[in-house]
N, C-alpha and C. Protein backbone atom coordinates (compact mmCIF):
# COMPACT_ATOMS: atom_id res chain seq x y z
N UNK A 1 -18.15 64.71 -204.34
CA UNK A 1 -18.02 65.83 -203.39
C UNK A 1 -17.04 66.90 -203.86
N UNK A 2 -15.78 66.53 -204.32
CA UNK A 2 -14.85 67.55 -204.82
C UNK A 2 -15.43 68.35 -205.96
N UNK A 3 -16.18 67.66 -206.84
CA UNK A 3 -16.73 68.35 -208.00
C UNK A 3 -17.75 69.40 -207.57
N UNK A 4 -18.53 69.10 -206.50
CA UNK A 4 -19.50 70.07 -206.01
C UNK A 4 -18.80 71.31 -205.47
N UNK A 5 -17.73 71.12 -204.71
CA UNK A 5 -16.97 72.26 -204.17
C UNK A 5 -16.42 73.12 -205.29
N UNK A 6 -15.93 72.46 -206.31
CA UNK A 6 -15.38 73.19 -207.45
C UNK A 6 -16.47 74.00 -208.13
N UNK A 7 -17.67 73.41 -208.22
CA UNK A 7 -18.80 74.10 -208.86
C UNK A 7 -19.18 75.34 -208.09
N UNK A 8 -19.23 75.24 -206.74
CA UNK A 8 -19.57 76.40 -205.90
C UNK A 8 -18.54 77.49 -206.05
N UNK A 9 -17.26 77.11 -206.07
CA UNK A 9 -16.19 78.08 -206.20
C UNK A 9 -16.29 78.81 -207.53
N UNK A 10 -16.61 78.05 -208.58
CA UNK A 10 -16.72 78.64 -209.91
C UNK A 10 -17.87 79.63 -209.94
N UNK A 11 -18.99 79.26 -209.30
CA UNK A 11 -20.15 80.15 -209.30
C UNK A 11 -19.82 81.44 -208.57
N UNK A 12 -19.09 81.31 -207.45
CA UNK A 12 -18.71 82.50 -206.67
C UNK A 12 -17.82 83.41 -207.48
N UNK A 13 -16.86 82.80 -208.17
CA UNK A 13 -15.95 83.59 -209.00
C UNK A 13 -16.71 84.30 -210.10
N UNK A 14 -17.67 83.58 -210.68
CA UNK A 14 -18.46 84.17 -211.75
C UNK A 14 -19.24 85.38 -211.28
N UNK A 15 -19.83 85.34 -210.07
CA UNK A 15 -20.60 86.46 -209.53
C UNK A 15 -19.73 87.67 -209.29
N UNK A 16 -18.51 87.43 -208.78
CA UNK A 16 -17.62 88.56 -208.50
C UNK A 16 -17.19 89.24 -209.79
N UNK A 17 -17.10 88.47 -210.85
CA UNK A 17 -16.72 89.06 -212.13
C UNK A 17 -17.82 89.95 -212.67
N UNK A 18 -19.08 89.58 -212.37
CA UNK A 18 -20.20 90.36 -212.86
C UNK A 18 -20.38 91.67 -212.09
N UNK A 19 -19.82 91.75 -210.86
CA UNK A 19 -19.98 92.94 -210.01
C UNK A 19 -18.62 93.57 -209.74
N UNK A 20 -18.11 94.33 -210.67
CA UNK A 20 -16.80 94.96 -210.49
C UNK A 20 -16.81 95.88 -209.27
N UNK A 21 -15.67 96.00 -208.64
CA UNK A 21 -15.54 96.80 -207.42
C UNK A 21 -15.56 98.29 -207.77
N UNK A 22 -16.66 98.97 -207.45
CA UNK A 22 -16.80 100.39 -207.76
C UNK A 22 -17.00 101.16 -206.47
N UNK A 23 -16.65 102.45 -206.51
CA UNK A 23 -16.77 103.30 -205.34
C UNK A 23 -18.22 103.57 -204.98
N UNK A 24 -18.48 104.08 -203.76
CA UNK A 24 -19.86 104.28 -203.30
C UNK A 24 -20.64 105.33 -204.07
N UNK A 25 -19.93 106.24 -204.76
CA UNK A 25 -20.63 107.30 -205.50
C UNK A 25 -20.53 107.12 -207.02
N UNK A 26 -20.24 105.90 -207.45
CA UNK A 26 -20.16 105.63 -208.89
C UNK A 26 -21.49 105.97 -209.55
N UNK A 27 -21.43 106.71 -210.64
CA UNK A 27 -22.63 107.09 -211.37
C UNK A 27 -23.18 108.45 -211.00
N UNK A 28 -22.75 108.99 -209.86
CA UNK A 28 -23.22 110.32 -209.44
C UNK A 28 -22.34 111.41 -210.03
N UNK A 29 -22.97 112.56 -210.30
CA UNK A 29 -22.26 113.72 -210.82
C UNK A 29 -22.28 114.84 -209.79
N UNK A 30 -21.10 115.34 -209.45
CA UNK A 30 -20.96 116.42 -208.48
C UNK A 30 -20.39 117.66 -209.17
N UNK A 31 -21.04 118.78 -208.96
CA UNK A 31 -20.56 120.06 -209.47
C UNK A 31 -19.92 120.79 -208.30
N UNK A 32 -18.61 120.89 -208.33
CA UNK A 32 -17.84 121.48 -207.24
C UNK A 32 -17.55 122.94 -207.56
N UNK A 33 -18.20 123.83 -206.84
CA UNK A 33 -18.09 125.28 -207.09
C UNK A 33 -17.15 125.91 -206.08
N UNK A 34 -16.08 126.48 -206.56
CA UNK A 34 -15.03 127.02 -205.69
C UNK A 34 -15.07 128.55 -205.74
N UNK A 35 -15.28 129.17 -204.58
CA UNK A 35 -15.30 130.63 -204.52
C UNK A 35 -14.05 131.12 -203.80
N UNK A 36 -13.83 132.43 -203.82
CA UNK A 36 -12.56 133.00 -203.41
C UNK A 36 -12.33 133.08 -201.91
N UNK A 37 -11.46 132.25 -201.40
CA UNK A 37 -11.08 132.26 -199.99
C UNK A 37 -9.83 131.43 -199.80
N UNK A 38 -9.12 131.68 -198.70
CA UNK A 38 -7.89 130.95 -198.46
C UNK A 38 -8.12 129.45 -198.34
N UNK A 39 -9.35 129.04 -197.99
CA UNK A 39 -9.67 127.62 -197.86
C UNK A 39 -9.72 126.91 -199.21
N UNK A 40 -9.54 127.65 -200.31
CA UNK A 40 -9.53 127.02 -201.64
C UNK A 40 -8.56 125.85 -201.73
N UNK A 41 -7.44 125.96 -201.04
CA UNK A 41 -6.44 124.90 -201.16
C UNK A 41 -6.97 123.59 -200.60
N UNK A 42 -7.88 123.65 -199.62
CA UNK A 42 -8.48 122.43 -199.06
C UNK A 42 -9.44 121.78 -200.06
N UNK A 43 -10.02 122.59 -200.93
CA UNK A 43 -11.02 122.06 -201.86
C UNK A 43 -10.36 121.16 -202.89
N UNK A 44 -9.08 121.38 -203.15
CA UNK A 44 -8.36 120.46 -204.04
C UNK A 44 -8.33 119.07 -203.44
N UNK A 45 -8.14 118.99 -202.13
CA UNK A 45 -8.17 117.70 -201.44
C UNK A 45 -9.57 117.09 -201.51
N UNK A 46 -10.60 117.92 -201.37
CA UNK A 46 -11.98 117.43 -201.47
C UNK A 46 -12.25 116.87 -202.86
N UNK A 47 -11.78 117.56 -203.89
CA UNK A 47 -11.96 117.09 -205.26
C UNK A 47 -11.34 115.71 -205.44
N UNK A 48 -10.13 115.54 -204.91
CA UNK A 48 -9.43 114.26 -205.00
C UNK A 48 -10.22 113.16 -204.30
N UNK A 49 -10.74 113.45 -203.12
CA UNK A 49 -11.48 112.44 -202.36
C UNK A 49 -12.79 112.07 -203.06
N UNK A 50 -13.44 113.05 -203.66
CA UNK A 50 -14.67 112.76 -204.40
C UNK A 50 -14.38 111.85 -205.59
N UNK A 51 -13.31 112.13 -206.30
CA UNK A 51 -12.93 111.30 -207.45
C UNK A 51 -12.63 109.87 -207.00
N UNK A 52 -12.03 109.73 -205.82
CA UNK A 52 -11.70 108.39 -205.31
C UNK A 52 -12.94 107.57 -204.95
N UNK A 53 -14.09 108.23 -204.78
CA UNK A 53 -15.34 107.50 -204.54
C UNK A 53 -16.00 107.07 -205.85
N UNK A 54 -15.35 107.43 -206.97
CA UNK A 54 -15.85 107.16 -208.32
C UNK A 54 -16.98 108.08 -208.76
N UNK A 55 -17.18 109.19 -208.03
CA UNK A 55 -18.13 110.20 -208.50
C UNK A 55 -17.52 110.93 -209.69
N UNK A 56 -18.37 111.39 -210.60
CA UNK A 56 -17.91 112.28 -211.66
C UNK A 56 -17.86 113.69 -211.09
N UNK A 57 -16.74 114.36 -211.19
CA UNK A 57 -16.58 115.68 -210.56
C UNK A 57 -16.23 116.72 -211.62
N UNK A 58 -17.03 117.77 -211.66
CA UNK A 58 -16.76 118.90 -212.54
C UNK A 58 -16.58 120.13 -211.66
N UNK A 59 -15.50 120.86 -211.85
CA UNK A 59 -15.21 122.03 -211.03
C UNK A 59 -15.55 123.31 -211.79
N UNK A 60 -16.05 124.28 -211.03
CA UNK A 60 -16.28 125.63 -211.55
C UNK A 60 -15.67 126.59 -210.53
N UNK A 61 -15.11 127.69 -211.02
CA UNK A 61 -14.40 128.62 -210.14
C UNK A 61 -14.79 130.05 -210.43
N UNK A 62 -14.83 130.86 -209.36
CA UNK A 62 -15.00 132.29 -209.55
C UNK A 62 -13.64 132.90 -209.89
N UNK A 63 -13.66 134.12 -210.36
CA UNK A 63 -12.42 134.83 -210.66
C UNK A 63 -11.57 134.98 -209.41
N UNK A 64 -12.22 135.22 -208.27
CA UNK A 64 -11.48 135.36 -207.02
C UNK A 64 -10.82 134.05 -206.61
N UNK A 65 -11.49 132.92 -206.84
CA UNK A 65 -10.92 131.62 -206.50
C UNK A 65 -9.64 131.35 -207.28
N UNK A 66 -9.60 131.84 -208.52
CA UNK A 66 -8.41 131.64 -209.36
C UNK A 66 -7.20 132.38 -208.83
N UNK A 67 -7.40 133.34 -207.94
CA UNK A 67 -6.28 134.05 -207.32
C UNK A 67 -5.57 133.16 -206.30
N UNK A 68 -6.28 132.16 -205.79
CA UNK A 68 -5.72 131.28 -204.76
C UNK A 68 -5.23 129.96 -205.32
N UNK A 69 -6.00 129.36 -206.25
CA UNK A 69 -5.65 128.06 -206.84
C UNK A 69 -5.89 128.13 -208.35
N UNK A 70 -4.96 127.63 -209.12
CA UNK A 70 -5.11 127.66 -210.58
C UNK A 70 -6.12 126.62 -211.04
N UNK A 71 -6.91 126.93 -212.06
CA UNK A 71 -7.85 125.95 -212.60
C UNK A 71 -7.18 124.64 -213.01
N UNK A 72 -5.93 124.73 -213.43
CA UNK A 72 -5.20 123.53 -213.84
C UNK A 72 -5.15 122.49 -212.73
N UNK A 73 -5.12 122.93 -211.48
CA UNK A 73 -5.10 122.00 -210.35
C UNK A 73 -6.33 121.12 -210.36
N UNK A 74 -7.49 121.73 -210.53
CA UNK A 74 -8.74 120.97 -210.52
C UNK A 74 -8.91 120.16 -211.81
N UNK A 75 -8.39 120.67 -212.91
CA UNK A 75 -8.44 119.91 -214.16
C UNK A 75 -7.64 118.62 -214.02
N UNK A 76 -6.48 118.71 -213.38
CA UNK A 76 -5.63 117.53 -213.21
C UNK A 76 -6.27 116.53 -212.24
N UNK A 77 -6.92 117.03 -211.19
CA UNK A 77 -7.51 116.14 -210.19
C UNK A 77 -8.78 115.46 -210.68
N UNK A 78 -9.56 116.16 -211.50
CA UNK A 78 -10.84 115.61 -211.96
C UNK A 78 -10.77 115.02 -213.36
N UNK A 79 -9.69 115.34 -214.09
CA UNK A 79 -9.54 114.91 -215.48
C UNK A 79 -10.67 115.45 -216.35
N UNK A 80 -11.14 116.67 -216.00
CA UNK A 80 -12.21 117.32 -216.74
C UNK A 80 -11.91 118.80 -216.90
N UNK A 81 -12.60 119.40 -217.85
CA UNK A 81 -12.50 120.85 -218.04
C UNK A 81 -13.01 121.57 -216.80
N UNK A 82 -12.35 122.67 -216.46
CA UNK A 82 -12.78 123.51 -215.34
C UNK A 82 -13.48 124.74 -215.93
N UNK A 83 -14.64 125.08 -215.40
CA UNK A 83 -15.44 126.18 -215.92
C UNK A 83 -15.24 127.43 -215.06
N UNK A 84 -14.94 128.54 -215.73
CA UNK A 84 -14.67 129.78 -215.01
C UNK A 84 -15.48 130.96 -215.52
N UNK A 85 -16.24 130.75 -216.60
CA UNK A 85 -16.94 131.86 -217.23
C UNK A 85 -18.23 131.35 -217.87
N UNK A 86 -19.25 132.19 -217.87
CA UNK A 86 -20.51 131.79 -218.51
C UNK A 86 -20.45 131.89 -220.02
N UNK A 87 -19.49 132.66 -220.54
CA UNK A 87 -19.51 133.01 -221.96
C UNK A 87 -18.55 132.15 -222.75
N UNK A 88 -19.06 131.61 -223.84
CA UNK A 88 -18.28 130.77 -224.74
C UNK A 88 -18.30 131.36 -226.14
N UNK A 89 -17.32 131.00 -226.98
CA UNK A 89 -17.40 131.42 -228.38
C UNK A 89 -18.70 130.93 -229.00
N UNK A 90 -19.21 131.68 -229.95
CA UNK A 90 -20.51 131.36 -230.55
C UNK A 90 -20.53 129.97 -231.17
N UNK A 91 -19.40 129.53 -231.71
CA UNK A 91 -19.36 128.22 -232.37
C UNK A 91 -19.53 127.09 -231.37
N UNK A 92 -19.30 127.37 -230.09
CA UNK A 92 -19.39 126.31 -229.07
C UNK A 92 -20.32 126.76 -227.95
N UNK A 93 -21.37 127.49 -228.29
CA UNK A 93 -22.20 128.09 -227.27
C UNK A 93 -23.06 127.05 -226.54
N UNK A 94 -23.15 127.21 -225.26
CA UNK A 94 -23.98 126.35 -224.44
C UNK A 94 -24.40 127.15 -223.22
N UNK A 95 -25.62 126.95 -222.75
CA UNK A 95 -26.06 127.62 -221.53
C UNK A 95 -25.45 126.87 -220.35
N UNK A 96 -24.25 127.23 -219.98
CA UNK A 96 -23.52 126.46 -218.98
C UNK A 96 -24.28 126.33 -217.67
N UNK A 97 -24.85 127.44 -217.22
CA UNK A 97 -25.50 127.41 -215.92
C UNK A 97 -26.69 126.45 -215.91
N UNK A 98 -27.27 126.19 -217.08
CA UNK A 98 -28.37 125.24 -217.18
C UNK A 98 -27.85 123.82 -217.41
N UNK A 99 -26.96 123.66 -218.38
CA UNK A 99 -26.50 122.31 -218.73
C UNK A 99 -25.73 121.65 -217.60
N UNK A 100 -24.90 122.42 -216.89
CA UNK A 100 -24.11 121.83 -215.81
C UNK A 100 -25.00 121.41 -214.65
N UNK A 101 -25.99 122.23 -214.30
CA UNK A 101 -26.87 121.86 -213.19
C UNK A 101 -27.84 120.76 -213.60
N UNK A 102 -28.18 120.67 -214.88
CA UNK A 102 -29.03 119.57 -215.35
C UNK A 102 -28.35 118.22 -215.13
N UNK A 103 -27.05 118.17 -215.34
CA UNK A 103 -26.32 116.91 -215.19
C UNK A 103 -26.00 116.58 -213.74
N UNK A 104 -25.87 117.59 -212.89
CA UNK A 104 -25.38 117.40 -211.52
C UNK A 104 -26.42 116.75 -210.61
N UNK A 105 -25.95 115.83 -209.78
CA UNK A 105 -26.79 115.27 -208.71
C UNK A 105 -26.64 116.10 -207.44
N UNK A 106 -25.54 116.83 -207.33
CA UNK A 106 -25.29 117.66 -206.15
C UNK A 106 -24.33 118.78 -206.52
N UNK A 107 -24.62 119.98 -206.01
CA UNK A 107 -23.68 121.10 -206.10
C UNK A 107 -23.06 121.29 -204.73
N UNK A 108 -21.74 121.33 -204.69
CA UNK A 108 -21.02 121.65 -203.46
C UNK A 108 -20.37 123.01 -203.65
N UNK A 109 -20.66 123.94 -202.78
CA UNK A 109 -20.03 125.26 -202.83
C UNK A 109 -19.04 125.34 -201.68
N UNK A 110 -17.75 125.34 -202.01
CA UNK A 110 -16.71 125.33 -201.00
C UNK A 110 -15.46 126.03 -201.53
N UNK A 111 -14.89 126.95 -200.79
CA UNK A 111 -15.49 127.54 -199.60
C UNK A 111 -16.68 128.42 -199.98
N UNK A 112 -17.71 128.42 -199.13
CA UNK A 112 -18.86 129.29 -199.37
C UNK A 112 -18.60 130.59 -198.61
N UNK A 113 -18.22 131.61 -199.33
CA UNK A 113 -17.89 132.89 -198.72
C UNK A 113 -19.15 133.67 -198.35
N UNK A 114 -18.98 134.72 -197.55
CA UNK A 114 -20.10 135.60 -197.22
C UNK A 114 -20.69 136.20 -198.50
N UNK A 115 -19.83 136.45 -199.48
CA UNK A 115 -20.27 137.04 -200.73
C UNK A 115 -21.23 136.13 -201.49
N UNK A 116 -20.86 134.86 -201.66
CA UNK A 116 -21.72 133.95 -202.42
C UNK A 116 -23.00 133.65 -201.65
N UNK A 117 -22.93 133.55 -200.33
CA UNK A 117 -24.13 133.31 -199.53
C UNK A 117 -25.10 134.48 -199.66
N UNK A 118 -24.56 135.70 -199.68
CA UNK A 118 -25.40 136.88 -199.85
C UNK A 118 -26.06 136.92 -201.21
N UNK A 119 -25.29 136.57 -202.25
CA UNK A 119 -25.85 136.54 -203.60
C UNK A 119 -26.97 135.51 -203.70
N UNK A 120 -26.73 134.33 -203.15
CA UNK A 120 -27.73 133.27 -203.22
C UNK A 120 -29.01 133.66 -202.49
N UNK A 121 -28.87 134.28 -201.32
CA UNK A 121 -30.04 134.68 -200.54
C UNK A 121 -30.84 135.77 -201.25
N UNK A 122 -30.13 136.65 -201.95
CA UNK A 122 -30.79 137.77 -202.64
C UNK A 122 -31.22 137.43 -204.06
N UNK A 123 -30.84 136.26 -204.55
CA UNK A 123 -31.19 135.88 -205.91
C UNK A 123 -30.37 136.59 -206.96
N UNK A 124 -29.16 137.01 -206.59
CA UNK A 124 -28.26 137.69 -207.54
C UNK A 124 -27.52 136.64 -208.36
N UNK A 125 -27.46 136.86 -209.66
CA UNK A 125 -26.79 135.93 -210.57
C UNK A 125 -25.90 136.73 -211.50
N UNK A 126 -24.71 137.09 -211.02
CA UNK A 126 -23.83 137.95 -211.82
C UNK A 126 -22.51 137.29 -212.19
N UNK A 127 -22.38 135.99 -211.92
CA UNK A 127 -21.22 135.24 -212.39
C UNK A 127 -21.66 133.79 -212.55
N UNK A 128 -20.75 132.92 -212.98
CA UNK A 128 -21.14 131.54 -213.29
C UNK A 128 -21.69 130.82 -212.08
N UNK A 129 -21.01 130.91 -210.94
CA UNK A 129 -21.42 130.12 -209.78
C UNK A 129 -22.72 130.63 -209.17
N UNK A 130 -22.87 131.93 -209.03
CA UNK A 130 -24.13 132.44 -208.48
C UNK A 130 -25.30 132.15 -209.42
N UNK A 131 -25.03 132.16 -210.72
CA UNK A 131 -26.08 131.84 -211.69
C UNK A 131 -26.45 130.37 -211.62
N UNK A 132 -25.47 129.49 -211.47
CA UNK A 132 -25.75 128.06 -211.36
C UNK A 132 -26.51 127.77 -210.07
N UNK A 133 -26.14 128.44 -208.99
CA UNK A 133 -26.84 128.22 -207.72
C UNK A 133 -28.31 128.60 -207.85
N UNK A 134 -28.58 129.67 -208.57
CA UNK A 134 -29.96 130.11 -208.76
C UNK A 134 -30.72 129.15 -209.68
N UNK A 135 -30.06 128.69 -210.73
CA UNK A 135 -30.73 127.82 -211.71
C UNK A 135 -30.86 126.38 -211.22
N UNK A 136 -30.21 126.05 -210.09
CA UNK A 136 -30.27 124.68 -209.58
C UNK A 136 -31.59 124.35 -208.90
N UNK A 137 -32.40 125.38 -208.64
CA UNK A 137 -33.67 125.16 -207.95
C UNK A 137 -34.51 124.10 -208.66
N UNK A 138 -34.86 123.06 -207.91
CA UNK A 138 -35.67 121.99 -208.49
C UNK A 138 -34.88 120.98 -209.30
N UNK A 139 -33.58 121.22 -209.47
CA UNK A 139 -32.77 120.31 -210.27
C UNK A 139 -31.86 119.43 -209.43
N UNK A 140 -31.23 120.02 -208.42
CA UNK A 140 -30.34 119.23 -207.57
C UNK A 140 -30.14 119.93 -206.23
N UNK A 141 -29.68 119.17 -205.25
CA UNK A 141 -29.40 119.73 -203.93
C UNK A 141 -28.14 120.58 -203.97
N UNK A 142 -28.06 121.52 -203.01
CA UNK A 142 -26.87 122.35 -202.85
C UNK A 142 -26.34 122.13 -201.44
N UNK A 143 -25.05 121.87 -201.33
CA UNK A 143 -24.36 121.74 -200.05
C UNK A 143 -23.32 122.85 -199.95
N UNK A 144 -23.45 123.71 -198.95
CA UNK A 144 -22.52 124.83 -198.78
C UNK A 144 -21.61 124.58 -197.58
N UNK A 145 -20.34 124.87 -197.76
CA UNK A 145 -19.35 124.74 -196.69
C UNK A 145 -18.77 126.12 -196.41
N UNK A 146 -19.39 126.89 -195.51
CA UNK A 146 -18.95 128.27 -195.27
C UNK A 146 -17.53 128.36 -194.73
N UNK A 147 -16.88 129.46 -195.09
CA UNK A 147 -15.54 129.75 -194.58
C UNK A 147 -15.33 131.26 -194.62
N UNK A 148 -15.06 131.83 -193.46
CA UNK A 148 -14.85 133.29 -193.39
C UNK A 148 -14.36 133.65 -192.00
N UNK A 149 -14.01 134.91 -191.81
CA UNK A 149 -13.61 135.41 -190.51
C UNK A 149 -14.77 135.30 -189.53
N UNK A 150 -14.45 135.09 -188.24
CA UNK A 150 -15.49 134.91 -187.22
C UNK A 150 -16.46 136.08 -187.16
N UNK A 151 -15.93 137.28 -187.25
CA UNK A 151 -16.82 138.45 -187.17
C UNK A 151 -17.77 138.50 -188.35
N UNK A 152 -17.30 138.08 -189.51
CA UNK A 152 -18.18 138.01 -190.68
C UNK A 152 -19.24 136.92 -190.48
N UNK A 153 -18.82 135.74 -190.01
CA UNK A 153 -19.77 134.65 -189.80
C UNK A 153 -20.85 135.04 -188.78
N UNK A 154 -20.47 135.81 -187.76
CA UNK A 154 -21.42 136.21 -186.72
C UNK A 154 -22.21 137.47 -187.06
N UNK A 155 -21.88 138.11 -188.18
CA UNK A 155 -22.59 139.33 -188.57
C UNK A 155 -24.07 139.02 -188.82
N UNK A 156 -24.93 139.95 -188.43
CA UNK A 156 -26.38 139.75 -188.55
C UNK A 156 -26.79 139.45 -189.98
N UNK A 157 -26.18 140.13 -190.94
CA UNK A 157 -26.56 139.93 -192.35
C UNK A 157 -26.23 138.51 -192.81
N UNK A 158 -25.07 138.01 -192.41
CA UNK A 158 -24.68 136.65 -192.81
C UNK A 158 -25.57 135.63 -192.14
N UNK A 159 -25.84 135.82 -190.85
CA UNK A 159 -26.71 134.87 -190.14
C UNK A 159 -28.10 134.83 -190.77
N UNK A 160 -28.60 136.00 -191.14
CA UNK A 160 -29.92 136.07 -191.78
C UNK A 160 -29.90 135.36 -193.14
N UNK A 161 -28.82 135.56 -193.90
CA UNK A 161 -28.71 134.91 -195.21
C UNK A 161 -28.67 133.39 -195.08
N UNK A 162 -27.93 132.92 -194.09
CA UNK A 162 -27.84 131.47 -193.87
C UNK A 162 -29.21 130.90 -193.52
N UNK A 163 -29.92 131.56 -192.63
CA UNK A 163 -31.25 131.07 -192.24
C UNK A 163 -32.20 131.10 -193.43
N UNK A 164 -32.11 132.14 -194.25
CA UNK A 164 -32.95 132.22 -195.46
C UNK A 164 -32.67 131.05 -196.38
N UNK A 165 -31.40 130.76 -196.59
CA UNK A 165 -31.03 129.66 -197.49
C UNK A 165 -31.45 128.30 -196.94
N UNK A 166 -31.36 128.14 -195.63
CA UNK A 166 -31.81 126.87 -195.03
C UNK A 166 -33.30 126.65 -195.26
N UNK A 167 -34.09 127.72 -195.14
CA UNK A 167 -35.53 127.59 -195.36
C UNK A 167 -35.84 127.24 -196.82
N UNK A 168 -34.89 127.56 -197.71
CA UNK A 168 -35.08 127.25 -199.13
C UNK A 168 -34.50 125.89 -199.51
N UNK A 169 -33.98 125.17 -198.53
CA UNK A 169 -33.51 123.81 -198.79
C UNK A 169 -32.02 123.66 -199.02
N UNK A 170 -31.25 124.74 -198.85
CA UNK A 170 -29.80 124.61 -198.99
C UNK A 170 -29.25 123.92 -197.74
N UNK A 171 -28.35 122.98 -197.94
CA UNK A 171 -27.74 122.23 -196.84
C UNK A 171 -26.39 122.85 -196.48
N UNK A 172 -26.05 122.78 -195.19
CA UNK A 172 -24.79 123.35 -194.72
C UNK A 172 -23.97 122.32 -193.97
N UNK A 173 -22.65 122.43 -194.10
CA UNK A 173 -21.72 121.65 -193.28
C UNK A 173 -20.68 122.62 -192.76
N UNK A 174 -20.53 122.68 -191.43
CA UNK A 174 -19.64 123.67 -190.84
C UNK A 174 -20.30 125.02 -190.76
N UNK A 175 -19.52 126.07 -190.44
CA UNK A 175 -18.06 126.02 -190.30
C UNK A 175 -17.62 125.49 -188.94
N UNK A 176 -16.35 125.12 -188.88
CA UNK A 176 -15.76 124.65 -187.64
C UNK A 176 -15.16 125.82 -186.87
N UNK A 177 -14.81 125.52 -185.64
CA UNK A 177 -14.13 126.51 -184.82
C UNK A 177 -12.65 126.16 -184.78
N UNK A 178 -11.79 127.15 -184.90
CA UNK A 178 -10.35 126.89 -184.89
C UNK A 178 -9.57 128.12 -185.29
N UNK A 179 -8.30 127.92 -185.58
CA UNK A 179 -7.44 129.02 -185.99
C UNK A 179 -7.78 129.43 -187.42
N UNK A 180 -7.95 130.73 -187.62
CA UNK A 180 -8.31 131.26 -188.93
C UNK A 180 -7.10 131.90 -189.60
N UNK A 181 -7.27 132.25 -190.88
CA UNK A 181 -6.16 132.84 -191.64
C UNK A 181 -5.68 134.14 -191.01
N UNK A 182 -6.56 134.86 -190.32
CA UNK A 182 -6.20 136.13 -189.69
C UNK A 182 -5.34 135.94 -188.45
N UNK A 183 -5.24 134.69 -187.97
CA UNK A 183 -4.52 134.40 -186.75
C UNK A 183 -5.43 134.30 -185.54
N UNK A 184 -6.66 134.77 -185.68
CA UNK A 184 -7.63 134.66 -184.60
C UNK A 184 -8.17 133.24 -184.51
N UNK A 185 -8.80 132.94 -183.38
CA UNK A 185 -9.42 131.64 -183.18
C UNK A 185 -10.91 131.83 -182.95
N UNK A 186 -11.71 131.03 -183.64
CA UNK A 186 -13.15 131.15 -183.49
C UNK A 186 -13.87 130.43 -184.60
N UNK A 187 -15.19 130.57 -184.68
CA UNK A 187 -15.95 129.92 -185.75
C UNK A 187 -15.69 130.59 -187.10
N UNK A 188 -15.73 129.80 -188.15
CA UNK A 188 -15.52 130.35 -189.48
C UNK A 188 -14.58 129.52 -190.33
N UNK A 189 -13.93 128.56 -189.71
CA UNK A 189 -13.00 127.69 -190.44
C UNK A 189 -13.80 126.68 -191.26
N UNK A 190 -13.46 126.50 -192.53
CA UNK A 190 -14.19 125.55 -193.36
C UNK A 190 -14.12 124.15 -192.78
N UNK A 191 -15.23 123.42 -192.83
CA UNK A 191 -15.27 122.05 -192.33
C UNK A 191 -14.18 121.21 -192.99
N UNK A 192 -13.70 120.24 -192.26
CA UNK A 192 -12.68 119.35 -192.80
C UNK A 192 -13.24 118.60 -194.02
N UNK A 193 -12.38 118.31 -194.95
CA UNK A 193 -12.85 117.70 -196.20
C UNK A 193 -13.52 116.35 -195.99
N UNK A 194 -13.08 115.59 -194.99
CA UNK A 194 -13.72 114.30 -194.71
C UNK A 194 -15.19 114.51 -194.30
N UNK A 195 -15.44 115.56 -193.54
CA UNK A 195 -16.81 115.84 -193.10
C UNK A 195 -17.68 116.36 -194.24
N UNK A 196 -17.08 117.14 -195.13
CA UNK A 196 -17.83 117.59 -196.31
C UNK A 196 -18.17 116.39 -197.19
N UNK A 197 -17.22 115.49 -197.34
CA UNK A 197 -17.44 114.29 -198.14
C UNK A 197 -18.57 113.44 -197.55
N UNK A 198 -18.57 113.27 -196.23
CA UNK A 198 -19.62 112.48 -195.58
C UNK A 198 -20.99 113.13 -195.80
N UNK A 199 -21.06 114.45 -195.66
CA UNK A 199 -22.32 115.16 -195.87
C UNK A 199 -22.80 115.01 -197.31
N UNK A 200 -21.86 115.07 -198.25
CA UNK A 200 -22.20 114.90 -199.67
C UNK A 200 -22.72 113.50 -199.93
N UNK A 201 -22.07 112.50 -199.36
CA UNK A 201 -22.51 111.12 -199.55
C UNK A 201 -23.93 110.91 -199.02
N UNK A 202 -24.21 111.47 -197.84
CA UNK A 202 -25.55 111.31 -197.26
C UNK A 202 -26.62 111.89 -198.19
N UNK A 203 -26.34 113.05 -198.76
CA UNK A 203 -27.30 113.68 -199.65
C UNK A 203 -27.46 112.91 -200.96
N UNK A 204 -26.35 112.47 -201.51
CA UNK A 204 -26.40 111.78 -202.80
C UNK A 204 -27.09 110.43 -202.71
N UNK A 205 -26.81 109.69 -201.66
CA UNK A 205 -27.30 108.31 -201.57
C UNK A 205 -28.77 108.21 -201.19
N UNK A 206 -29.42 109.35 -201.01
CA UNK A 206 -30.86 109.33 -200.73
C UNK A 206 -31.68 108.95 -201.97
N UNK A 207 -31.05 109.14 -203.14
CA UNK A 207 -31.77 108.82 -204.38
C UNK A 207 -30.76 108.35 -205.43
N UNK A 208 -31.23 107.63 -206.44
CA UNK A 208 -30.30 107.15 -207.48
C UNK A 208 -29.77 108.29 -208.33
N UNK A 209 -28.65 108.07 -209.03
CA UNK A 209 -28.10 109.10 -209.92
C UNK A 209 -29.09 109.49 -211.01
N UNK A 210 -29.02 110.72 -211.45
CA UNK A 210 -29.90 111.19 -212.54
C UNK A 210 -29.69 110.37 -213.81
N UNK A 211 -28.42 110.10 -214.10
CA UNK A 211 -28.10 109.44 -215.37
C UNK A 211 -27.79 107.97 -215.19
N UNK A 212 -28.57 107.32 -214.35
CA UNK A 212 -28.34 105.91 -214.09
C UNK A 212 -28.61 105.10 -215.34
């Protein structure tokens, strides 16, 4: 009898060794696109939380986003290069907007400003992030977390752009209602990072990672 118990214990230990404890998003690649808004500082927290799920996280930033948070912040959090420009030296040339979206299982645009939403709806591709958003069609899902002043969020043009993007398959989380950078209270506050993370997990776990 003791020998049987020992055998069962050994088998259990052996199984646990074969299945190392990994996060829920292990194997998935997330392209975190940061555009220019005061909510940029929250996206650093989102990057950290994504990394803690064992997702691979690559950050890209617009020039405006760099005014709020330094690329070094995201490089330190993700332990990866941060992309800020489409153009590379000829010796290291790569079509970034294609290669990055090819690898990504999900693009998260946070904060998603009125500017980037307008570009996406109109098909404008004049910087790295707007170009990646356009080239992602058919390659990976896009999750946008809008953040802007209430009057901008309620503007007819922005509402129309959001509806257009939804019909094209872009997913949205937020915005929340609360105190804004202007001091006013209303809709337009970027969704809390925990809620963005939950939305990202739901989208990612619908299918296996590209590079499984």
